[in-house]
PDB file of N, CA and C in Angstrom:
ATOM      1  N   MET A   1      -0.407   0.732  -3.672  1.00  0.00           N
ATOM      2  CA  MET A   1      -1.467   1.507  -3.226  1.00  0.00           C
ATOM      3  C   MET A   1      -2.499   1.908  -4.294  1.00  0.00           C
ATOM      4  N   ALA A   2      -2.108   1.205  -5.407  1.00  0.00           N
ATOM      5  CA  ALA A   2      -2.681   1.684  -6.741  1.00  0.00           C
ATOM      6  C   ALA A   2      -4.016   1.229  -6.523  1.00  0.00           C
ATOM      7  N   SER A   3      -4.636   0.428  -5.849  1.00  0.00           N
ATOM      8  CA  SER A   3      -5.903  -0.332  -6.044  1.00  0.00           C
ATOM      9  C   SER A   3      -6.881   0.729  -5.931  1.00  0.00           C
ATOM     10  N   GLY A   4      -8.067   0.531  -6.578  1.00  0.00           N
ATOM     11  CA  GLY A   4      -9.204   1.450  -6.702  1.00  0.00           C
ATOM     12  C   GLY A   4     -10.047   1.386  -5.159  1.00  0.00           C
ATOM     13  N   SER A   5      -9.990   0.259  -4.634  1.00  0.00           N
ATOM     14  CA  SER A   5     -10.735   0.193  -3.287  1.00  0.00           C
ATOM     15  C   SER A   5     -10.158   1.263  -2.351  1.00  0.00           C
ATOM     16  N   LEU A   6      -8.777   1.599  -2.363  1.00  0.00           N
ATOM     17  CA  LEU A   6      -8.109   2.481  -1.487  1.00  0.00           C
ATOM     18  C   LEU A   6      -8.866   3.968  -1.823  1.00  0.00           C
ATOM     19  N   LYS A   7      -9.533   4.132  -2.702  1.00  0.00           N
ATOM     20  CA  LYS A   7     -10.196   5.390  -3.127  1.00  0.00           C
ATOM     21  C   LYS A   7     -11.631   5.456  -2.085  1.00  0.00           C
ATOM     22  N   ASN A   8     -12.149   4.290  -1.680  1.00  0.00           N
ATOM     23  CA  ASN A   8     -13.318   4.418  -0.946  1.00  0.00           C
ATOM     24  C   ASN A   8     -13.061   4.586   0.523  1.00  0.00           C
ATOM     25  N   SER A   9     -11.785   4.847   0.936  1.00  0.00           N
ATOM     26  CA  SER A   9     -11.509   5.121   2.343  1.00  0.00           C
ATOM     27  C   SER A   9     -11.149   6.642   2.475  1.00  0.00           C
ATOM     28  N   GLY A  10     -11.850   7.374   1.492  1.00  0.00           N
ATOM     29  CA  GLY A  10     -11.632   8.755   1.664  1.00  0.00           C
ATOM     30  C   GLY A  10     -10.565   9.432   0.606  1.00  0.00           C
ATOM     31  N   SER A  11     -10.509  10.583   0.335  1.00  0.00           N
ATOM     32  CA  SER A  11      -9.400  11.202  -0.466  1.00  0.00           C
ATOM     33  C   SER A  11      -8.033  11.315   0.279  1.00  0.00           C
ATOM     34  N   TRP A  12      -7.059  10.472  -0.444  1.00  0.00           N
ATOM     35  CA  TRP A  12      -5.860  10.395  -0.052  1.00  0.00           C
ATOM     36  C   TRP A  12      -5.092  11.184  -1.218  1.00  0.00           C
ATOM     37  N   THR A  13      -4.078  12.191  -0.762  1.00  0.00           N
ATOM     38  CA  THR A  13      -3.432  12.690  -1.788  1.00  0.00           C
ATOM     39  C   THR A  13      -2.011  11.781  -1.841  1.00  0.00           C
ATOM     40  N   PRO A  14      -1.225  12.081  -2.889  1.00  0.00           N
ATOM     41  CA  PRO A  14       0.008  11.265  -3.003  1.00  0.00           C
ATOM     42  C   PRO A  14       0.973  11.566  -1.741  1.00  0.00           C
ATOM     43  N   LYS A  15       0.821  12.403  -1.370  1.00  0.00           N
ATOM     44  CA  LYS A  15       1.901  13.176  -0.221  1.00  0.00           C
ATOM     45  C   LYS A  15       1.370  12.371   1.235  1.00  0.00           C
ATOM     46  N   GLN A  16      -0.208  12.292   1.431  1.00  0.00           N
ATOM     47  CA  GLN A  16      -0.499  11.741   2.436  1.00  0.00           C
ATOM     48  C   GLN A  16      -0.069   9.989   2.412  1.00  0.00           C
ATOM     49  N   ASN A  17      -0.295   9.515   1.025  1.00  0.00           N
ATOM     50  CA  ASN A  17       0.044   8.119   1.081  1.00  0.00           C
ATOM     51  C   ASN A  17       1.563   7.952   1.399  1.00  0.00           C
ATOM     52  N   LYS A  18       2.237   8.801   1.027  1.00  0.00           N
ATOM     53  CA  LYS A  18       4.000   8.541   1.248  1.00  0.00           C
ATOM     54  C   LYS A  18       4.097   8.898   2.744  1.00  0.00           C
ATOM     55  N   LEU A  19       3.581   9.655   3.484  1.00  0.00           N
ATOM     56  CA  LEU A  19       3.810   9.879   4.893  1.00  0.00           C
ATOM     57  C   LEU A  19       3.124   8.732   5.658  1.00  0.00           C
ATOM     58  N   PHE A  20       1.797   8.177   4.684  1.00  0.00           N
ATOM     59  CA  PHE A  20       1.457   6.898   5.693  1.00  0.00           C
ATOM     60  C   PHE A  20       2.429   5.717   5.595  1.00  0.00           C
ATOM     61  N   GLU A  21       3.080   5.623   4.392  1.00  0.00           N
ATOM     62  CA  GLU A  21       3.948   4.487   4.281  1.00  0.00           C
ATOM     63  C   GLU A  21       5.208   4.742   5.250  1.00  0.00           C
ATOM     64  N   LYS A  22       5.777   6.013   5.341  1.00  0.00           N
ATOM     65  CA  LYS A  22       6.898   6.198   6.284  1.00  0.00           C
ATOM     66  C   LYS A  22       6.462   6.056   7.630  1.00  0.00           C
ATOM     67  N   ALA A  23       5.154   6.381   8.015  1.00  0.00           N
ATOM     68  CA  ALA A  23       4.752   6.196   9.423  1.00  0.00           C
ATOM     69  C   ALA A  23       4.586   4.638   9.868  1.00  0.00           C
ATOM     70  N   LEU A  24       4.007   3.976   8.802  1.00  0.00           N
ATOM     71  CA  LEU A  24       3.783   2.501   9.059  1.00  0.00           C
ATOM     72  C   LEU A  24       5.435   1.938   9.263  1.00  0.00           C
ATOM     73  N   ALA A  25       6.511   2.326   8.757  1.00  0.00           N
ATOM     74  CA  ALA A  25       7.884   1.981   8.787  1.00  0.00           C
ATOM     75  C   ALA A  25       8.186   2.420  10.182  1.00  0.00           C
ATOM     76  N   LEU A  26       7.807   3.377  10.726  1.00  0.00           N
ATOM     77  CA  LEU A  26       8.335   3.580  11.870  1.00  0.00           C
ATOM     78  C   LEU A  26       7.498   3.128  13.131  1.00  0.00           C
ATOM     79  N   TYR A  27       6.235   3.056  12.995  1.00  0.00           N
ATOM     80  CA  TYR A  27       5.466   2.621  14.197  1.00  0.00           C
ATOM     81  C   TYR A  27       4.883   1.427  13.691  1.00  0.00           C
ATOM     82  N   ASP A  28       5.535   0.257  14.276  1.00  0.00           N
ATOM     83  CA  ASP A  28       5.149  -0.996  14.015  1.00  0.00           C
ATOM     84  C   ASP A  28       3.981  -1.537  14.661  1.00  0.00           C
ATOM     85  N   LYS A  29       3.450  -2.869  14.669  1.00  0.00           N
ATOM     86  CA  LYS A  29       2.430  -3.268  15.242  1.00  0.00           C
ATOM     87  C   LYS A  29       2.549  -3.255  16.972  1.00  0.00           C
ATOM     88  N   ASP A  30       3.786  -3.264  17.269  1.00  0.00           N
ATOM     89  CA  ASP A  30       3.976  -3.441  18.701  1.00  0.00           C
ATOM     90  C   ASP A  30       3.916  -1.948  19.245  1.00  0.00           C
ATOM     91  N   THR A  31       4.000  -0.908  18.586  1.00  0.00           N
ATOM     92  CA  THR A  31       3.992   0.364  18.939  1.00  0.00           C
ATOM     93  C   THR A  31       2.585   0.948  19.859  1.00  0.00           C
ATOM     94  N   PRO A  32       2.891   1.407  21.314  1.00  0.00           N
ATOM     95  CA  PRO A  32       1.658   1.664  21.907  1.00  0.00           C
ATOM     96  C   PRO A  32       1.120   2.928  21.074  1.00  0.00           C
ATOM     97  N   ASP A  33      -0.234   3.040  21.068  1.00  0.00           N
ATOM     98  CA  ASP A  33      -1.007   4.063  20.195  1.00  0.00           C
ATOM     99  C   ASP A  33      -0.671   4.355  18.791  1.00  0.00           C
ATOM    100  N   ARG A  34      -0.268   3.137  18.324  1.00  0.00           N
ATOM    101  CA  ARG A  34       0.063   3.169  16.779  1.00  0.00           C
ATOM    102  C   ARG A  34      -0.678   3.928  16.001  1.00  0.00           C
ATOM    103  N   TRP A  35      -1.910   3.844  15.924  1.00  0.00           N
ATOM    104  CA  TRP A  35      -2.801   4.619  14.949  1.00  0.00           C
ATOM    105  C   TRP A  35      -2.890   6.127  15.213  1.00  0.00           C
ATOM    106  N   GLN A  36      -2.781   6.563  16.433  1.00  0.00           N
ATOM    107  CA  GLN A  36      -2.831   7.955  17.013  1.00  0.00           C
ATOM    108  C   GLN A  36      -1.337   8.442  16.402  1.00  0.00           C
ATOM    109  N   ASN A  37      -0.148   7.645  16.580  1.00  0.00           N
ATOM    110  CA  ASN A  37       1.154   8.249  15.854  1.00  0.00           C
ATOM    111  C   ASN A  37       1.126   8.309  14.470  1.00  0.00           C
ATOM    112  N   VAL A  38       0.576   7.447  13.677  1.00  0.00           N
ATOM    113  CA  VAL A  38       0.478   7.328  12.277  1.00  0.00           C
ATOM    114  C   VAL A  38      -0.301   8.480  11.862  1.00  0.00           C
ATOM    115  N   ALA A  39      -1.525   8.711  12.656  1.00  0.00           N
ATOM    116  CA  ALA A  39      -2.595   9.785  12.310  1.00  0.00           C
ATOM    117  C   ALA A  39      -1.541  11.074  12.316  1.00  0.00           C
ATOM    118  N   LYS A  40      -0.977  11.540  13.419  1.00  0.00           N
ATOM    119  CA  LYS A  40      -0.109  12.439  13.927  1.00  0.00           C
ATOM    120  C   LYS A  40       0.919  12.681  12.333  1.00  0.00           C
ATOM    121  N   ALA A  41       1.345  11.683  12.004  1.00  0.00           N
ATOM    122  CA  ALA A  41       2.368  11.841  10.764  1.00  0.00           C
ATOM    123  C   ALA A  41       1.795  12.023   9.594  1.00  0.00           C
ATOM    124  N   VAL A  42       0.319  11.788   9.546  1.00  0.00           N
ATOM    125  CA  VAL A  42      -0.194  12.064   8.208  1.00  0.00           C
ATOM    126  C   VAL A  42      -1.065  13.192   8.118  1.00  0.00           C
ATOM    127  N   GLU A  43      -0.824  14.182   7.653  1.00  0.00           N
ATOM    128  CA  GLU A  43      -1.644  15.448   7.621  1.00  0.00           C
ATOM    129  C   GLU A  43      -3.019  15.395   7.407  1.00  0.00           C
ATOM    130  N   GLY A  44      -3.944  15.847   8.170  1.00  0.00           N
ATOM    131  CA  GLY A  44      -5.455  15.829   7.727  1.00  0.00           C
ATOM    132  C   GLY A  44      -6.069  14.563   8.134  1.00  0.00           C
ATOM    133  N   LYS A  45      -5.535  13.380   8.704  1.00  0.00           N
ATOM    134  CA  LYS A  45      -6.151  12.100   8.810  1.00  0.00           C
ATOM    135  C   LYS A  45      -6.254  11.829  10.382  1.00  0.00           C
ATOM    136  N   SER A  46      -7.330  11.102  10.524  1.00  0.00           N
ATOM    137  CA  SER A  46      -7.679  10.844  12.161  1.00  0.00           C
ATOM    138  C   SER A  46      -6.846   9.310  12.178  1.00  0.00           C
ATOM    139  N   ALA A  47      -6.982   9.078  13.724  1.00  0.00           N
ATOM    140  CA  ALA A  47      -6.444   7.738  13.598  1.00  0.00           C
ATOM    141  C   ALA A  47      -7.333   6.552  13.188  1.00  0.00           C
ATOM    142  N   GLU A  48      -8.706   6.775  13.176  1.00  0.00           N
ATOM    143  CA  GLU A  48      -9.654   5.956  12.542  1.00  0.00           C
ATOM    144  C   GLU A  48      -9.437   5.832  10.987  1.00  0.00           C
ATOM    145  N   GLU A  49      -9.080   6.900  10.482  1.00  0.00           N
ATOM    146  CA  GLU A  49      -8.914   6.888   8.832  1.00  0.00           C
ATOM    147  C   GLU A  49      -7.693   6.000   8.589  1.00  0.00           C
ATOM    148  N   VAL A  50      -6.579   6.443   9.260  1.00  0.00           N
ATOM    149  CA  VAL A  50      -5.496   5.709   9.027  1.00  0.00           C
ATOM    150  C   VAL A  50      -5.524   4.181   9.226  1.00  0.00           C
ATOM    151  N   LYS A  51      -6.125   3.849  10.233  1.00  0.00           N
ATOM    152  CA  LYS A  51      -6.473   2.474  10.480  1.00  0.00           C
ATOM    153  C   LYS A  51      -7.298   1.777   9.539  1.00  0.00           C
ATOM    154  N   ARG A  52      -8.280   2.342   9.199  1.00  0.00           N
ATOM    155  CA  ARG A  52      -9.114   1.774   7.897  1.00  0.00           C
ATOM    156  C   ARG A  52      -8.406   1.748   6.418  1.00  0.00           C
ATOM    157  N   HIS A  53      -7.322   2.995   6.512  1.00  0.00           N
ATOM    158  CA  HIS A  53      -6.771   2.790   5.090  1.00  0.00           C
ATOM    159  C   HIS A  53      -5.623   1.626   5.039  1.00  0.00           C
ATOM    160  N   TYR A  54      -5.256   1.244   6.193  1.00  0.00           N
ATOM    161  CA  TYR A  54      -4.352   0.051   6.366  1.00  0.00           C
ATOM    162  C   TYR A  54      -5.042  -1.190   6.472  1.00  0.00           C
ATOM    163  N   GLU A  55      -6.213  -1.300   6.711  1.00  0.00           N
ATOM    164  CA  GLU A  55      -6.897  -2.558   6.593  1.00  0.00           C
ATOM    165  C   GLU A  55      -7.456  -2.833   5.243  1.00  0.00           C
ATOM    166  N   ILE A  56      -7.735  -1.569   4.403  1.00  0.00           N
ATOM    167  CA  ILE A  56      -7.978  -1.660   3.036  1.00  0.00           C
ATOM    168  C   ILE A  56      -6.832  -2.215   2.239  1.00  0.00           C
ATOM    169  N   LEU A  57      -5.582  -1.732   2.522  1.00  0.00           N
ATOM    170  CA  LEU A  57      -4.409  -2.046   2.038  1.00  0.00           C
ATOM    171  C   LEU A  57      -4.072  -3.760   2.015  1.00  0.00           C
ATOM    172  N   LEU A  58      -4.376  -4.178   3.381  1.00  0.00           N
ATOM    173  CA  LEU A  58      -4.168  -5.563   3.717  1.00  0.00           C
ATOM    174  C   LEU A  58      -5.270  -6.338   2.836  1.00  0.00           C
ATOM    175  N   GLU A  59      -6.332  -6.089   2.677  1.00  0.00           N
ATOM    176  CA  GLU A  59      -7.587  -6.643   1.737  1.00  0.00           C
ATOM    177  C   GLU A  59      -6.990  -6.786   0.450  1.00  0.00           C
ATOM    178  N   ASP A  60      -6.384  -5.338  -0.128  1.00  0.00           N
ATOM    179  CA  ASP A  60      -5.950  -5.465  -1.384  1.00  0.00           C
ATOM    180  C   ASP A  60      -4.789  -6.526  -1.863  1.00  0.00           C
ATOM    181  N   LEU A  61      -3.968  -6.397  -0.750  1.00  0.00           N
ATOM    182  CA  LEU A  61      -2.646  -7.380  -0.754  1.00  0.00           C
ATOM    183  C   LEU A  61      -3.223  -8.990  -0.653  1.00  0.00           C
ATOM    184  N   ARG A  62      -4.236  -9.219  -0.073  1.00  0.00           N
ATOM    185  CA  ARG A  62      -4.661 -10.571   0.031  1.00  0.00           C
ATOM    186  C   ARG A  62      -5.249 -10.839  -1.154  1.00  0.00           C
ATOM    187  N   ASP A  63      -5.988 -10.024  -2.041  1.00  0.00           N
ATOM    188  CA  ASP A  63      -6.653  -9.947  -3.179  1.00  0.00           C
ATOM    189  C   ASP A  63      -5.666 -10.448  -4.437  1.00  0.00           C
ATOM    190  N   ILE A  64      -4.741  -9.643  -4.180  1.00  0.00           N
ATOM    191  CA  ILE A  64      -3.502  -9.910  -5.029  1.00  0.00           C
ATOM    192  C   ILE A  64      -2.703 -11.241  -5.224  1.00  0.00           C
ATOM    193  N   GLU A  65      -2.412 -11.409  -3.721  1.00  0.00           N
ATOM    194  CA  GLU A  65      -1.727 -12.757  -3.478  1.00  0.00           C
ATOM    195  C   GLU A  65      -2.738 -14.020  -3.854  1.00  0.00           C
ATOM    196  N   SER A  66      -3.810 -13.950  -3.669  1.00  0.00           N
ATOM    197  CA  SER A  66      -4.847 -15.032  -4.002  1.00  0.00           C
ATOM    198  C   SER A  66      -4.924 -15.060  -5.449  1.00  0.00           C
ATOM    199  N   GLY A  67      -4.530 -14.162  -6.514  1.00  0.00           N
ATOM    200  CA  GLY A  67      -4.901 -14.062  -7.772  1.00  0.00           C
ATOM    201  C   GLY A  67      -6.002 -13.485  -8.268  1.00  0.00           C
ATOM    202  N   HIS A  68      -6.765 -12.962  -7.324  1.00  0.00           N
ATOM    203  CA  HIS A  68      -8.168 -12.243  -7.754  1.00  0.00           C
ATOM    204  C   HIS A  68      -8.004 -11.120  -8.222  1.00  0.00           C
ATOM    205  N   VAL A  69      -6.739 -10.426  -8.420  1.00  0.00           N
ATOM    206  CA  VAL A  69      -6.357  -9.137  -8.944  1.00  0.00           C
ATOM    207  C   VAL A  69      -5.016  -9.448  -9.818  1.00  0.00           C
ATOM    208  N   PRO A  70      -5.271  -9.614 -11.344  1.00  0.00           N
ATOM    209  CA  PRO A  70      -4.078  -9.885 -11.988  1.00  0.00           C
ATOM    210  C   PRO A  70      -3.144  -8.834 -12.101  1.00  0.00           C
ATOM    211  N   ILE A  71      -1.882  -9.162 -12.193  1.00  0.00           N
ATOM    212  CA  ILE A  71      -0.955  -8.085 -12.390  1.00  0.00           C
ATOM    213  C   ILE A  71      -1.077  -7.522 -13.984  1.00  0.00           C
ATOM    214  N   PRO A  72      -1.069  -6.338 -14.126  1.00  0.00           N
ATOM    215  CA  PRO A  72      -1.568  -5.690 -15.148  1.00  0.00           C
ATOM    216  C   PRO A  72      -0.479  -6.046 -16.362  1.00  0.00           C
ATOM    217  N   ASN A  73      -0.749  -6.080 -17.692  1.00  0.00           N
ATOM    218  CA  ASN A  73      -0.078  -6.352 -18.648  1.00  0.00           C
ATOM    219  C   ASN A  73       0.201  -5.185 -19.343  1.00  0.00           C
ATOM    220  N   TYR A  74       1.221  -4.445 -19.082  1.00  0.00           N
ATOM    221  CA  TYR A  74       1.599  -3.294 -19.596  1.00  0.00           C
ATOM    222  C   TYR A  74       1.770  -3.076 -21.102  1.00  0.00           C
ATOM    223  N   LYS A  75       1.381  -2.005 -21.940  1.00  0.00           N
ATOM    224  CA  LYS A  75       1.777  -2.241 -23.370  1.00  0.00           C
ATOM    225  C   LYS A  75       3.123  -1.765 -23.334  1.00  0.00           C
ATOM    226  N   SER A  76       3.830  -2.297 -24.351  1.00  0.00           N
ATOM    227  CA  SER A  76       5.198  -2.086 -24.544  1.00  0.00           C
ATOM    228  C   SER A  76       5.477  -0.888 -25.508  1.00  0.00           C
ATOM    229  N   ASN A  77       6.232   0.086 -25.133  1.00  0.00           N
ATOM    230  CA  ASN A  77       6.594   1.142 -26.084  1.00  0.00           C
ATOM    231  C   ASN A  77       7.723   0.966 -26.957  1.00  0.00           C
ATOM    232  N   GLY A  78       8.035  -0.318 -27.013  1.00  0.00           N
ATOM    233  CA  GLY A  78       9.433  -0.441 -27.571  1.00  0.00           C
ATOM    234  C   GLY A  78      10.465  -0.881 -26.938  1.00  0.00           C
ATOM    235  N   SER A  79      10.563  -0.058 -25.639  1.00  0.00           N
ATOM    236  CA  SER A  79      11.737  -0.139 -24.776  1.00  0.00           C
ATOM    237  C   SER A  79      11.427  -0.994 -23.674  1.00  0.00           C
ATOM    238  N   LYS A  80      10.177  -1.297 -23.545  1.00  0.00           N
ATOM    239  CA  LYS A  80      10.111  -2.444 -22.303  1.00  0.00           C
ATOM    240  C   LYS A  80       9.970  -3.645 -22.797  1.00  0.00           C
ATOM    241  N   SER A  81      10.598  -4.741 -22.084  1.00  0.00           N
ATOM    242  CA  SER A  81      10.545  -6.174 -22.374  1.00  0.00           C
ATOM    243  C   SER A  81       9.653  -6.916 -21.363  1.00  0.00           C
ATOM    244  N   PHE A  82       9.493  -8.147 -21.661  1.00  0.00           N
ATOM    245  CA  PHE A  82       8.963  -9.094 -21.007  1.00  0.00           C
ATOM    246  C   PHE A  82       9.757  -9.066 -19.536  1.00  0.00           C
ATOM    247  N   GLY A  83      10.976  -9.023 -19.722  1.00  0.00           N
ATOM    248  CA  GLY A  83      11.898  -9.045 -18.384  1.00  0.00           C
ATOM    249  C   GLY A  83      11.396  -7.831 -17.570  1.00  0.00           C
ATOM    250  N   ASP A  84      11.162  -6.751 -18.277  1.00  0.00           N
ATOM    251  CA  ASP A  84      10.879  -5.615 -17.313  1.00  0.00           C
ATOM    252  C   ASP A  84       9.490  -5.910 -16.516  1.00  0.00           C
ATOM    253  N   GLN A  85       8.602  -6.589 -17.269  1.00  0.00           N
ATOM    254  CA  GLN A  85       7.214  -6.801 -16.747  1.00  0.00           C
ATOM    255  C   GLN A  85       7.179  -7.585 -15.542  1.00  0.00           C
ATOM    256  N   GLU A  86       8.230  -8.716 -15.750  1.00  0.00           N
ATOM    257  CA  GLU A  86       8.852  -9.721 -14.762  1.00  0.00           C
ATOM    258  C   GLU A  86       9.227  -9.264 -13.536  1.00  0.00           C
ATOM    259  N   GLN A  87      10.162  -8.131 -13.752  1.00  0.00           N
ATOM    260  CA  GLN A  87      10.730  -7.237 -12.678  1.00  0.00           C
ATOM    261  C   GLN A  87       9.685  -6.442 -11.946  1.00  0.00           C
ATOM    262  N   ARG A  88       8.615  -5.868 -12.529  1.00  0.00           N
ATOM    263  CA  ARG A  88       7.758  -5.114 -11.990  1.00  0.00           C
ATOM    264  C   ARG A  88       6.765  -5.992 -11.127  1.00  0.00           C
ATOM    265  N   ALA A  89       6.584  -7.250 -11.697  1.00  0.00           N
ATOM    266  CA  ALA A  89       5.780  -8.121 -10.925  1.00  0.00           C
ATOM    267  C   ALA A  89       6.456  -8.447  -9.628  1.00  0.00           C
ATOM    268  N   ALA A  90       7.773  -8.837  -9.717  1.00  0.00           N
ATOM    269  CA  ALA A  90       8.695  -9.121  -8.460  1.00  0.00           C
ATOM    270  C   ALA A  90       8.619  -7.858  -7.588  1.00  0.00           C
ATOM    271  N   GLU A  91       8.655  -6.709  -7.999  1.00  0.00           N
ATOM    272  CA  GLU A  91       8.661  -5.639  -7.318  1.00  0.00           C
ATOM    273  C   GLU A  91       7.377  -5.450  -6.496  1.00  0.00           C
ATOM    274  N   VAL A  92       6.229  -5.777  -7.108  1.00  0.00           N
ATOM    275  CA  VAL A  92       4.938  -5.571  -6.403  1.00  0.00           C
ATOM    276  C   VAL A  92       4.909  -6.805  -5.457  1.00  0.00           C
ATOM    277  N   SER A  93       5.142  -7.987  -5.808  1.00  0.00           N
ATOM    278  CA  SER A  93       5.282  -9.058  -4.588  1.00  0.00           C
ATOM    279  C   SER A  93       6.089  -8.663  -3.345  1.00  0.00           C
ATOM    280  N   LYS A  94       7.379  -8.157  -3.657  1.00  0.00           N
ATOM    281  CA  LYS A  94       8.083  -7.672  -2.658  1.00  0.00           C
ATOM    282  C   LYS A  94       7.451  -6.656  -1.781  1.00  0.00           C
ATOM    283  N   ALA A  95       6.737  -5.794  -2.195  1.00  0.00           N
ATOM    284  CA  ALA A  95       6.073  -4.545  -1.656  1.00  0.00           C
ATOM    285  C   ALA A  95       5.093  -5.148  -0.526  1.00  0.00           C
ATOM    286  N   ALA A  96       4.305  -6.291  -1.327  1.00  0.00           N
ATOM    287  CA  ALA A  96       3.344  -6.889  -0.457  1.00  0.00           C
ATOM    288  C   ALA A  96       3.989  -7.441   0.720  1.00  0.00           C
ATOM    289  N   ILE A  97       5.089  -8.193   0.509  1.00  0.00           N
ATOM    290  CA  ILE A  97       5.791  -8.902   1.770  1.00  0.00           C
ATOM    291  C   ILE A  97       6.204  -7.945   2.692  1.00  0.00           C
ATOM    292  N   MET A  98       6.607  -6.903   2.301  1.00  0.00           N
ATOM    293  CA  MET A  98       7.170  -5.771   3.361  1.00  0.00           C
ATOM    294  C   MET A  98       5.944  -5.348   4.328  1.00  0.00           C
ATOM    295  N   VAL A  99       4.779  -5.161   3.561  1.00  0.00           N
ATOM    296  CA  VAL A  99       3.667  -4.658   4.156  1.00  0.00           C
ATOM    297  C   VAL A  99       3.184  -5.666   5.131  1.00  0.00           C
ATOM    298  N   GLN A 100       3.270  -6.717   4.748  1.00  0.00           N
ATOM    299  CA  GLN A 100       2.790  -7.834   5.682  1.00  0.00           C
ATOM    300  C   GLN A 100       3.505  -8.026   6.846  1.00  0.00           C
ATOM    301  N   ASP A 101       5.015  -7.829   6.860  1.00  0.00           N
ATOM    302  CA  ASP A 101       5.709  -7.829   7.689  1.00  0.00           C
ATOM    303  C   ASP A 101       5.516  -6.747   8.630  1.00  0.00           C
ATOM    304  N   LEU A 102       4.967  -5.881   8.324  1.00  0.00           N
ATOM    305  CA  LEU A 102       4.764  -4.566   9.182  1.00  0.00           C
ATOM    306  C   LEU A 102       3.220  -4.752   9.908  1.00  0.00           C
ATOM    307  N   ALA A 103       2.315  -5.801   9.242  1.00  0.00           N
ATOM    308  CA  ALA A 103       1.175  -6.102  10.047  1.00  0.00           C
ATOM    309  C   ALA A 103       1.337  -6.622  11.528  1.00  0.00           C
TER     310      ALA A 103
END
């Protein structure tokens, strides 16, 4: 959820984002009243806000997977190697797949 477009969905604290992620894992797409349940788990957010946050997350993932958002080329501090960057790219891809599975 590092994308800048998520900031357009209102102010979300790191704690709210973590609660949101956990709630998505708990309440899948087949859960009745999914967005109300997710909102109850995320302090200070309505069902409409958490649903919009999720929709923006999916848009960001589509942009990443379609190549519209490049994987950052982090500067090396001497301890990071190209392999570390490849590992980070693999982790981002794995996270995208996990979120899609929850959709």
